[in-house]
PDB file of N, CA and C in Angstrom:
ATOM      1  N   UNK A   1      11.957  -0.834  11.754  1.00  0.00           N
ATOM      2  CA  UNK A   1      11.978  -0.298  10.410  1.00  0.00           C
ATOM      3  C   UNK A   1      12.239   1.179  10.471  1.00  0.00           C
ATOM      4  N   UNK A   2      13.144   1.674   9.666  1.00  0.00           N
ATOM      5  CA  UNK A   2      13.453   3.093   9.636  1.00  0.00           C
ATOM      6  C   UNK A   2      12.310   3.864   9.001  1.00  0.00           C
ATOM      7  N   UNK A   3      11.874   4.895   9.630  1.00  0.00           N
ATOM      8  CA  UNK A   3      10.777   5.725   9.128  1.00  0.00           C
ATOM      9  C   UNK A   3      11.380   6.829   8.244  1.00  0.00           C
ATOM     10  N   UNK A   4      10.557   7.471   7.457  1.00  0.00           N
ATOM     11  CA  UNK A   4      11.057   8.533   6.541  1.00  0.00           C
ATOM     12  C   UNK A   4      11.651   9.670   7.333  1.00  0.00           C
ATOM     13  N   UNK A   5      12.641  10.367   6.744  1.00  0.00           N
ATOM     14  CA  UNK A   5      13.269  11.502   7.429  1.00  0.00           C
ATOM     15  C   UNK A   5      12.395  12.714   7.283  1.00  0.00           C
ATOM     16  N   UNK A   6      11.416  12.846   8.170  1.00  0.00           N
ATOM     17  CA  UNK A   6      10.562  14.021   8.218  1.00  0.00           C
ATOM     18  C   UNK A   6      10.322  14.340   9.651  1.00  0.00           C
ATOM     19  N   UNK A   7       9.675  15.505   9.880  1.00  0.00           N
ATOM     20  CA  UNK A   7       9.410  15.927  11.244  1.00  0.00           C
ATOM     21  C   UNK A   7       8.113  15.282  11.790  1.00  0.00           C
ATOM     22  N   UNK A   8       7.268  14.708  10.930  1.00  0.00           N
ATOM     23  CA  UNK A   8       6.075  14.082  11.394  1.00  0.00           C
ATOM     24  C   UNK A   8       6.332  12.669  11.837  1.00  0.00           C
ATOM     25  N   UNK A   9       5.496  12.159  12.706  1.00  0.00           N
ATOM     26  CA  UNK A   9       5.567  10.760  13.091  1.00  0.00           C
ATOM     27  C   UNK A   9       4.437   9.995  12.390  1.00  0.00           C
ATOM     28  N   UNK A  10       4.725   8.753  12.085  1.00  0.00           N
ATOM     29  CA  UNK A  10       3.695   7.952  11.459  1.00  0.00           C
ATOM     30  C   UNK A  10       3.403   6.736  12.328  1.00  0.00           C
ATOM     31  N   UNK A  11       2.160   6.291  12.338  1.00  0.00           N
ATOM     32  CA  UNK A  11       1.737   5.094  12.979  1.00  0.00           C
ATOM     33  C   UNK A  11       1.145   4.182  11.940  1.00  0.00           C
ATOM     34  N   UNK A  12       1.746   2.991  11.799  1.00  0.00           N
ATOM     35  CA  UNK A  12       1.263   2.085  10.825  1.00  0.00           C
ATOM     36  C   UNK A  12      -0.076   1.477  11.266  1.00  0.00           C
ATOM     37  N   UNK A  13      -0.981   1.322  10.332  1.00  0.00           N
ATOM     38  CA  UNK A  13      -2.307   0.765  10.645  1.00  0.00           C
ATOM     39  C   UNK A  13      -2.286  -0.740  10.479  1.00  0.00           C
ATOM     40  N   UNK A  14      -2.656  -1.484  11.507  1.00  0.00           N
ATOM     41  CA  UNK A  14      -2.650  -2.972  11.364  1.00  0.00           C
ATOM     42  C   UNK A  14      -3.917  -3.480  10.716  1.00  0.00           C
ATOM     43  N   UNK A  15      -3.809  -4.499   9.895  1.00  0.00           N
ATOM     44  CA  UNK A  15      -4.992  -5.101   9.324  1.00  0.00           C
ATOM     45  C   UNK A  15      -5.787  -5.860  10.423  1.00  0.00           C
ATOM     46  N   UNK A  16      -7.077  -6.049  10.203  1.00  0.00           N
ATOM     47  CA  UNK A  16      -7.889  -6.659  11.230  1.00  0.00           C
ATOM     48  C   UNK A  16      -8.323  -8.091  10.947  1.00  0.00           C
ATOM     49  N   UNK A  17      -8.165  -8.573   9.705  1.00  0.00           N
ATOM     50  CA  UNK A  17      -8.690  -9.856   9.323  1.00  0.00           C
ATOM     51  C   UNK A  17      -7.632 -10.742   8.629  1.00  0.00           C
ATOM     52  N   UNK A  18      -8.091 -11.598   7.796  1.00  0.00           N
ATOM     53  CA  UNK A  18      -7.221 -12.543   7.104  1.00  0.00           C
ATOM     54  C   UNK A  18      -6.647 -11.969   5.803  1.00  0.00           C
ATOM     55  N   UNK A  19      -5.871 -12.753   5.119  1.00  0.00           N
ATOM     56  CA  UNK A  19      -5.250 -12.360   3.844  1.00  0.00           C
ATOM     57  C   UNK A  19      -6.325 -12.031   2.803  1.00  0.00           C
ATOM     58  N   UNK A  20      -6.126 -10.914   2.154  1.00  0.00           N
ATOM     59  CA  UNK A  20      -7.024 -10.497   1.069  1.00  0.00           C
ATOM     60  C   UNK A  20      -6.230 -10.442  -0.246  1.00  0.00           C
ATOM     61  N   UNK A  21      -6.899 -10.744  -1.323  1.00  0.00           N
ATOM     62  CA  UNK A  21      -6.376 -10.543  -2.673  1.00  0.00           C
ATOM     63  C   UNK A  21      -7.385  -9.670  -3.387  1.00  0.00           C
ATOM     64  N   UNK A  22      -6.961  -8.470  -3.757  1.00  0.00           N
ATOM     65  CA  UNK A  22      -7.917  -7.495  -4.352  1.00  0.00           C
ATOM     66  C   UNK A  22      -7.294  -6.992  -5.660  1.00  0.00           C
ATOM     67  N   UNK A  23      -8.113  -7.022  -6.676  1.00  0.00           N
ATOM     68  CA  UNK A  23      -7.725  -6.435  -7.965  1.00  0.00           C
ATOM     69  C   UNK A  23      -8.427  -5.095  -8.102  1.00  0.00           C
ATOM     70  N   UNK A  24      -7.698  -4.066  -8.431  1.00  0.00           N
ATOM     71  CA  UNK A  24      -8.308  -2.752  -8.562  1.00  0.00           C
ATOM     72  C   UNK A  24      -7.767  -1.975  -9.743  1.00  0.00           C
ATOM     73  N   UNK A  25      -8.144  -0.734  -9.829  1.00  0.00           N
ATOM     74  CA  UNK A  25      -7.776   0.108 -10.939  1.00  0.00           C
ATOM     75  C   UNK A  25      -6.929   1.300 -10.491  1.00  0.00           C
ATOM     76  N   UNK A  26      -6.062   1.764 -11.339  1.00  0.00           N
ATOM     77  CA  UNK A  26      -5.447   3.077 -11.148  1.00  0.00           C
ATOM     78  C   UNK A  26      -6.274   4.060 -11.942  1.00  0.00           C
ATOM     79  N   UNK A  27      -6.317   5.293 -11.463  1.00  0.00           N
ATOM     80  CA  UNK A  27      -7.066   6.350 -12.134  1.00  0.00           C
ATOM     81  C   UNK A  27      -6.092   7.415 -12.625  1.00  0.00           C
ATOM     82  N   UNK A  28      -6.461   8.024 -13.732  1.00  0.00           N
ATOM     83  CA  UNK A  28      -5.615   9.051 -14.320  1.00  0.00           C
ATOM     84  C   UNK A  28      -5.691  10.368 -13.560  1.00  0.00           C
ATOM     85  N   UNK A  29      -4.539  10.925 -13.252  1.00  0.00           N
ATOM     86  CA  UNK A  29      -4.442  12.202 -12.564  1.00  0.00           C
ATOM     87  C   UNK A  29      -4.037  13.261 -13.589  1.00  0.00           C
ATOM     88  N   UNK A  30      -4.965  14.130 -13.939  1.00  0.00           N
ATOM     89  CA  UNK A  30      -4.683  15.133 -14.976  1.00  0.00           C
ATOM     90  C   UNK A  30      -3.486  16.027 -14.593  1.00  0.00           C
ATOM     91  N   UNK A  31      -3.454  16.448 -13.351  1.00  0.00           N
ATOM     92  CA  UNK A  31      -2.390  17.338 -12.884  1.00  0.00           C
ATOM     93  C   UNK A  31      -1.003  16.733 -13.048  1.00  0.00           C
ATOM     94  N   UNK A  32      -0.883  15.435 -12.727  1.00  0.00           N
ATOM     95  CA  UNK A  32       0.396  14.769 -12.821  1.00  0.00           C
ATOM     96  C   UNK A  32       0.602  14.118 -14.210  1.00  0.00           C
ATOM     97  N   UNK A  33      -0.438  14.130 -15.026  1.00  0.00           N
ATOM     98  CA  UNK A  33      -0.436  13.494 -16.318  1.00  0.00           C
ATOM     99  C   UNK A  33       0.082  12.072 -16.258  1.00  0.00           C
ATOM    100  N   UNK A  34      -0.502  11.346 -15.295  1.00  0.00           N
ATOM    101  CA  UNK A  34      -0.085   9.949 -15.125  1.00  0.00           C
ATOM    102  C   UNK A  34      -1.220   9.169 -14.434  1.00  0.00           C
ATOM    103  N   UNK A  35      -1.094   7.851 -14.542  1.00  0.00           N
ATOM    104  CA  UNK A  35      -2.010   6.966 -13.844  1.00  0.00           C
ATOM    105  C   UNK A  35      -1.472   6.806 -12.431  1.00  0.00           C
ATOM    106  N   UNK A  36      -1.857   7.661 -11.532  1.00  0.00           N
ATOM    107  CA  UNK A  36      -1.228   7.685 -10.189  1.00  0.00           C
ATOM    108  C   UNK A  36      -2.183   7.744  -9.012  1.00  0.00           C
ATOM    109  N   UNK A  37      -3.460   7.580  -9.258  1.00  0.00           N
ATOM    110  CA  UNK A  37      -4.461   7.672  -8.169  1.00  0.00           C
ATOM    111  C   UNK A  37      -4.947   6.261  -7.876  1.00  0.00           C
ATOM    112  N   UNK A  38      -4.834   5.871  -6.608  1.00  0.00           N
ATOM    113  CA  UNK A  38      -5.373   4.578  -6.143  1.00  0.00           C
ATOM    114  C   UNK A  38      -6.552   4.859  -5.265  1.00  0.00           C
ATOM    115  N   UNK A  39      -7.668   4.237  -5.541  1.00  0.00           N
ATOM    116  CA  UNK A  39      -8.852   4.340  -4.681  1.00  0.00           C
ATOM    117  C   UNK A  39      -9.061   2.983  -4.061  1.00  0.00           C
ATOM    118  N   UNK A  40      -9.080   2.993  -2.754  1.00  0.00           N
ATOM    119  CA  UNK A  40      -9.236   1.707  -2.042  1.00  0.00           C
ATOM    120  C   UNK A  40     -10.624   1.155  -2.152  1.00  0.00           C
ATOM    121  N   UNK A  41     -10.698  -0.124  -2.328  1.00  0.00           N
ATOM    122  CA  UNK A  41     -11.994  -0.796  -2.416  1.00  0.00           C
ATOM    123  C   UNK A  41     -12.542  -1.029  -0.985  1.00  0.00           C
ATOM    124  N   UNK A  42     -13.794  -1.399  -0.967  1.00  0.00           N
ATOM    125  CA  UNK A  42     -14.533  -1.596   0.287  1.00  0.00           C
ATOM    126  C   UNK A  42     -13.816  -2.548   1.235  1.00  0.00           C
ATOM    127  N   UNK A  43     -13.221  -3.619   0.675  1.00  0.00           N
ATOM    128  CA  UNK A  43     -12.529  -4.616   1.514  1.00  0.00           C
ATOM    129  C   UNK A  43     -11.373  -4.021   2.273  1.00  0.00           C
ATOM    130  N   UNK A  44     -10.643  -3.126   1.647  1.00  0.00           N
ATOM    131  CA  UNK A  44      -9.498  -2.450   2.323  1.00  0.00           C
ATOM    132  C   UNK A  44     -10.027  -1.546   3.393  1.00  0.00           C
ATOM    133  N   UNK A  45     -11.081  -0.770   3.121  1.00  0.00           N
ATOM    134  CA  UNK A  45     -11.655   0.126   4.093  1.00  0.00           C
ATOM    135  C   UNK A  45     -12.227  -0.628   5.284  1.00  0.00           C
ATOM    136  N   UNK A  46     -12.684  -1.856   5.063  1.00  0.00           N
ATOM    137  CA  UNK A  46     -13.151  -2.658   6.202  1.00  0.00           C
ATOM    138  C   UNK A  46     -11.983  -3.163   7.012  1.00  0.00           C
ATOM    139  N   UNK A  47     -10.846  -3.388   6.403  1.00  0.00           N
ATOM    140  CA  UNK A  47      -9.661  -3.791   7.161  1.00  0.00           C
ATOM    141  C   UNK A  47      -9.034  -2.667   7.932  1.00  0.00           C
ATOM    142  N   UNK A  48      -9.169  -1.450   7.425  1.00  0.00           N
ATOM    143  CA  UNK A  48      -8.552  -0.258   8.056  1.00  0.00           C
ATOM    144  C   UNK A  48      -9.650   0.775   8.319  1.00  0.00           C
ATOM    145  N   UNK A  49     -10.528   0.562   9.266  1.00  0.00           N
ATOM    146  CA  UNK A  49     -11.632   1.514   9.518  1.00  0.00           C
ATOM    147  C   UNK A  49     -11.165   2.908   9.876  1.00  0.00           C
ATOM    148  N   UNK A  50      -9.915   3.024  10.344  1.00  0.00           N
ATOM    149  CA  UNK A  50      -9.401   4.345  10.711  1.00  0.00           C
ATOM    150  C   UNK A  50      -9.428   5.331   9.499  1.00  0.00           C
ATOM    151  N   UNK A  51      -9.347   4.751   8.300  1.00  0.00           N
ATOM    152  CA  UNK A  51      -9.314   5.602   7.086  1.00  0.00           C
ATOM    153  C   UNK A  51     -10.603   6.323   6.859  1.00  0.00           C
ATOM    154  N   UNK A  52     -11.661   5.968   7.589  1.00  0.00           N
ATOM    155  CA  UNK A  52     -12.933   6.651   7.441  1.00  0.00           C
ATOM    156  C   UNK A  52     -13.052   7.864   8.340  1.00  0.00           C
ATOM    157  N   UNK A  53     -12.050   8.121   9.173  1.00  0.00           N
ATOM    158  CA  UNK A  53     -12.064   9.299  10.070  1.00  0.00           C
ATOM    159  C   UNK A  53     -11.883  10.562   9.243  1.00  0.00           C
ATOM    160  N   UNK A  54     -12.922  11.372   9.200  1.00  0.00           N
ATOM    161  CA  UNK A  54     -12.871  12.574   8.361  1.00  0.00           C
ATOM    162  C   UNK A  54     -11.853  13.589   8.861  1.00  0.00           C
ATOM    163  N   UNK A  55     -11.626  13.640  10.159  1.00  0.00           N
ATOM    164  CA  UNK A  55     -10.702  14.625  10.705  1.00  0.00           C
ATOM    165  C   UNK A  55      -9.274  14.084  10.810  1.00  0.00           C
ATOM    166  N   UNK A  56      -9.056  12.848  10.362  1.00  0.00           N
ATOM    167  CA  UNK A  56      -7.727  12.268  10.427  1.00  0.00           C
ATOM    168  C   UNK A  56      -6.825  12.793   9.333  1.00  0.00           C
ATOM    169  N   UNK A  57      -5.570  12.539   9.443  1.00  0.00           N
ATOM    170  CA  UNK A  57      -4.602  12.875   8.412  1.00  0.00           C
ATOM    171  C   UNK A  57      -3.836  11.599   8.070  1.00  0.00           C
ATOM    172  N   UNK A  58      -3.903  11.137   6.853  1.00  0.00           N
ATOM    173  CA  UNK A  58      -3.325   9.869   6.493  1.00  0.00           C
ATOM    174  C   UNK A  58      -2.397  10.064   5.281  1.00  0.00           C
ATOM    175  N   UNK A  59      -1.503   9.137   5.160  1.00  0.00           N
ATOM    176  CA  UNK A  59      -0.583   9.167   4.005  1.00  0.00           C
ATOM    177  C   UNK A  59      -0.138   7.746   3.766  1.00  0.00           C
ATOM    178  N   UNK A  60       0.976   7.614   3.108  1.00  0.00           N
ATOM    179  CA  UNK A  60       1.511   6.276   2.851  1.00  0.00           C
ATOM    180  C   UNK A  60       3.025   6.318   2.947  1.00  0.00           C
ATOM    181  N   UNK A  61       3.604   5.173   3.201  1.00  0.00           N
ATOM    182  CA  UNK A  61       5.061   4.998   3.323  1.00  0.00           C
ATOM    183  C   UNK A  61       5.382   3.808   2.446  1.00  0.00           C
ATOM    184  N   UNK A  62       6.107   4.031   1.394  1.00  0.00           N
ATOM    185  CA  UNK A  62       6.382   2.955   0.440  1.00  0.00           C
ATOM    186  C   UNK A  62       7.870   2.617   0.432  1.00  0.00           C
ATOM    187  N   UNK A  63       8.148   1.313   0.430  1.00  0.00           N
ATOM    188  CA  UNK A  63       9.526   0.866   0.333  1.00  0.00           C
ATOM    189  C   UNK A  63       9.606   0.039  -0.952  1.00  0.00           C
ATOM    190  N   UNK A  64      10.436   0.436  -1.857  1.00  0.00           N
ATOM    191  CA  UNK A  64      10.576  -0.280  -3.090  1.00  0.00           C
ATOM    192  C   UNK A  64      11.990  -0.831  -3.168  1.00  0.00           C
ATOM    193  N   UNK A  65      12.105  -2.119  -2.840  1.00  0.00           N
ATOM    194  CA  UNK A  65      13.425  -2.767  -2.857  1.00  0.00           C
ATOM    195  C   UNK A  65      13.833  -3.062  -4.278  1.00  0.00           C
ATOM    196  N   UNK A  66      15.143  -3.096  -4.491  1.00  0.00           N
ATOM    197  CA  UNK A  66      15.693  -3.330  -5.815  1.00  0.00           C
ATOM    198  C   UNK A  66      16.051  -4.780  -6.053  1.00  0.00           C
ATOM    199  N   UNK A  67      15.957  -5.607  -5.028  1.00  0.00           N
ATOM    200  CA  UNK A  67      16.306  -7.010  -5.208  1.00  0.00           C
ATOM    201  C   UNK A  67      15.500  -7.832  -4.165  1.00  0.00           C
ATOM    202  N   UNK A  68      15.340  -9.127  -4.457  1.00  0.00           N
ATOM    203  CA  UNK A  68      14.677 -10.017  -3.498  1.00  0.00           C
ATOM    204  C   UNK A  68      15.512 -10.114  -2.200  1.00  0.00           C
ATOM    205  N   UNK A  69      16.829 -10.038  -2.345  1.00  0.00           N
ATOM    206  CA  UNK A  69      17.686 -10.115  -1.177  1.00  0.00           C
ATOM    207  C   UNK A  69      17.380  -8.913  -0.230  1.00  0.00           C
ATOM    208  N   UNK A  70      17.299  -7.729  -0.796  1.00  0.00           N
ATOM    209  CA  UNK A  70      16.945  -6.563   0.072  1.00  0.00           C
ATOM    210  C   UNK A  70      15.545  -6.708   0.656  1.00  0.00           C
ATOM    211  N   UNK A  71      14.622  -7.252  -0.160  1.00  0.00           N
ATOM    212  CA  UNK A  71      13.250  -7.389   0.353  1.00  0.00           C
ATOM    213  C   UNK A  71      13.232  -8.385   1.492  1.00  0.00           C
ATOM    214  N   UNK A  72      13.927  -9.495   1.348  1.00  0.00           N
ATOM    215  CA  UNK A  72      13.980 -10.515   2.395  1.00  0.00           C
ATOM    216  C   UNK A  72      14.581  -9.923   3.715  1.00  0.00           C
ATOM    217  N   UNK A  73      15.614  -9.102   3.527  1.00  0.00           N
ATOM    218  CA  UNK A  73      16.250  -8.473   4.714  1.00  0.00           C
ATOM    219  C   UNK A  73      15.259  -7.544   5.411  1.00  0.00           C
ATOM    220  N   UNK A  74      14.501  -6.762   4.608  1.00  0.00           N
ATOM    221  CA  UNK A  74      13.527  -5.860   5.194  1.00  0.00           C
ATOM    222  C   UNK A  74      12.398  -6.600   5.882  1.00  0.00           C
ATOM    223  N   UNK A  75      11.936  -7.687   5.291  1.00  0.00           N
ATOM    224  CA  UNK A  75      10.890  -8.526   5.899  1.00  0.00           C
ATOM    225  C   UNK A  75      11.399  -9.136   7.205  1.00  0.00           C
ATOM    226  N   UNK A  76      12.664  -9.572   7.238  1.00  0.00           N
ATOM    227  CA  UNK A  76      13.240 -10.088   8.450  1.00  0.00           C
ATOM    228  C   UNK A  76      13.250  -9.048   9.539  1.00  0.00           C
ATOM    229  N   UNK A  77      13.588  -7.831   9.222  1.00  0.00           N
ATOM    230  CA  UNK A  77      13.560  -6.737  10.207  1.00  0.00           C
ATOM    231  C   UNK A  77      12.132  -6.492  10.743  1.00  0.00           C
ATOM    232  N   UNK A  78      11.201  -6.475   9.808  1.00  0.00           N
ATOM    233  CA  UNK A  78       9.795  -6.276  10.220  1.00  0.00           C
ATOM    234  C   UNK A  78       9.349  -7.429  11.118  1.00  0.00           C
ATOM    235  N   UNK A  79       9.722  -8.648  10.788  1.00  0.00           N
ATOM    236  CA  UNK A  79       9.312  -9.805  11.571  1.00  0.00           C
ATOM    237  C   UNK A  79       9.887  -9.737  12.979  1.00  0.00           C
ATOM    238  N   UNK A  80      11.138  -9.302  13.121  1.00  0.00           N
ATOM    239  CA  UNK A  80      11.743  -9.159  14.453  1.00  0.00           C
ATOM    240  C   UNK A  80      11.026  -8.113  15.282  1.00  0.00           C
ATOM    241  N   UNK A  81      10.708  -6.992  14.657  1.00  0.00           N
ATOM    242  CA  UNK A  81      10.093  -5.876  15.429  1.00  0.00           C
ATOM    243  C   UNK A  81       8.617  -6.153  15.652  1.00  0.00           C
ATOM    244  N   UNK A  82       7.992  -7.006  14.830  1.00  0.00           N
ATOM    245  CA  UNK A  82       6.553  -7.314  14.942  1.00  0.00           C
ATOM    246  C   UNK A  82       5.721  -6.043  14.880  1.00  0.00           C
ATOM    247  N   UNK A  83       6.252  -4.996  14.174  1.00  0.00           N
ATOM    248  CA  UNK A  83       5.590  -3.716  14.123  1.00  0.00           C
ATOM    249  C   UNK A  83       4.412  -3.735  13.170  1.00  0.00           C
ATOM    250  N   UNK A  84       4.584  -4.292  12.016  1.00  0.00           N
ATOM    251  CA  UNK A  84       3.504  -4.245  10.991  1.00  0.00           C
ATOM    252  C   UNK A  84       3.781  -5.301   9.929  1.00  0.00           C
ATOM    253  N   UNK A  85       2.727  -5.753   9.299  1.00  0.00           N
ATOM    254  CA  UNK A  85       2.871  -6.630   8.107  1.00  0.00           C
ATOM    255  C   UNK A  85       2.754  -5.751   6.896  1.00  0.00           C
ATOM    256  N   UNK A  86       3.655  -5.852   5.948  1.00  0.00           N
ATOM    257  CA  UNK A  86       3.579  -5.024   4.766  1.00  0.00           C
ATOM    258  C   UNK A  86       2.481  -5.482   3.819  1.00  0.00           C
ATOM    259  N   UNK A  87       2.031  -4.561   3.010  1.00  0.00           N
ATOM    260  CA  UNK A  87       1.110  -4.905   1.936  1.00  0.00           C
ATOM    261  C   UNK A  87       1.878  -4.968   0.650  1.00  0.00           C
ATOM    262  N   UNK A  88       1.720  -6.057  -0.090  1.00  0.00           N
ATOM    263  CA  UNK A  88       2.397  -6.142  -1.409  1.00  0.00           C
ATOM    264  C   UNK A  88       1.500  -5.457  -2.433  1.00  0.00           C
ATOM    265  N   UNK A  89       2.071  -4.579  -3.196  1.00  0.00           N
ATOM    266  CA  UNK A  89       1.353  -3.898  -4.260  1.00  0.00           C
ATOM    267  C   UNK A  89       2.068  -4.149  -5.580  1.00  0.00           C
ATOM    268  N   UNK A  90       1.370  -4.692  -6.536  1.00  0.00           N
ATOM    269  CA  UNK A  90       1.930  -4.938  -7.870  1.00  0.00           C
ATOM    270  C   UNK A  90       1.275  -3.996  -8.833  1.00  0.00           C
ATOM    271  N   UNK A  91       2.083  -3.275  -9.589  1.00  0.00           N
ATOM    272  CA  UNK A  91       1.526  -2.420 -10.627  1.00  0.00           C
ATOM    273  C   UNK A  91       1.475  -3.265 -11.904  1.00  0.00           C
ATOM    274  N   UNK A  92       0.395  -3.105 -12.655  1.00  0.00           N
ATOM    275  CA  UNK A  92       0.269  -3.946 -13.847  1.00  0.00           C
ATOM    276  C   UNK A  92      -0.408  -3.103 -14.948  1.00  0.00           C
ATOM    277  N   UNK A  93      -0.111  -3.505 -16.197  1.00  0.00           N
ATOM    278  CA  UNK A  93      -0.761  -2.879 -17.345  1.00  0.00           C
ATOM    279  C   UNK A  93      -1.664  -3.902 -17.968  1.00  0.00           C
ATOM    280  N   UNK A  94      -2.903  -3.512 -18.163  1.00  0.00           N
ATOM    281  CA  UNK A  94      -3.924  -4.444 -18.696  1.00  0.00           C
ATOM    282  C   UNK A  94      -3.859  -4.401 -20.240  1.00  0.00           C
ATOM    283  N   UNK A  95      -4.089  -5.552 -20.775  1.00  0.00           N
ATOM    284  CA  UNK A  95      -4.244  -5.646 -22.229  1.00  0.00           C
ATOM    285  C   UNK A  95      -5.697  -5.984 -22.519  1.00  0.00           C
ATOM    286  N   UNK A  96      -6.228  -5.315 -23.488  1.00  0.00           N
ATOM    287  CA  UNK A  96      -7.619  -5.602 -23.873  1.00  0.00           C
ATOM    288  C   UNK A  96      -7.614  -6.915 -24.673  1.00  0.00           C
ATOM    289  N   UNK A  97      -8.413  -7.814 -24.268  1.00  0.00           N
ATOM    290  CA  UNK A  97      -8.499  -9.105 -24.938  1.00  0.00           C
ATOM    291  C   UNK A  97      -9.439  -8.969 -26.162  1.00  0.00           C
ATOM    292  N   UNK A  98      -8.980  -9.527 -27.241  1.00  0.00           N
ATOM    293  CA  UNK A  98      -9.833  -9.525 -28.450  1.00  0.00           C
ATOM    294  C   UNK A  98     -10.798 -10.636 -28.412  1.00  0.00           C
ATOM    295  N   UNK A  99     -12.030 -10.320 -28.743  1.00  0.00           N
ATOM    296  CA  UNK A  99     -13.067 -11.354 -28.761  1.00  0.00           C
ATOM    297  C   UNK A  99     -13.233 -11.831 -30.180  1.00  0.00           C
ATOM    298  N   UNK A 100     -13.202 -13.164 -30.327  1.00  0.00           N
ATOM    299  CA  UNK A 100     -13.227 -13.777 -31.674  1.00  0.00           C
ATOM    300  C   UNK A 100     -14.582 -14.160 -32.034  1.00  0.00           C
TER     301      UNK A 100
END
């Protein structure tokens, strides 16, 4: 998988357990005036204990494909390299349900 064009190197963190399905919240970022802050839940932090290293430096690498065909091609590349399993992230807008 092609890494971002920067001078830093990245090492992908492997998950340690089975498939998880987690529902979480986005938080509002006043500076960006958008819902753009993701706080990982306990289950994610248990899967990636490296994220608890206070002296570490972490970031993210996101690939947003424009079609299923492109996504399938990218997944095939990842499967061949056996480098990392991607995490699927779905953004959603919640509707408040009316109680009758």
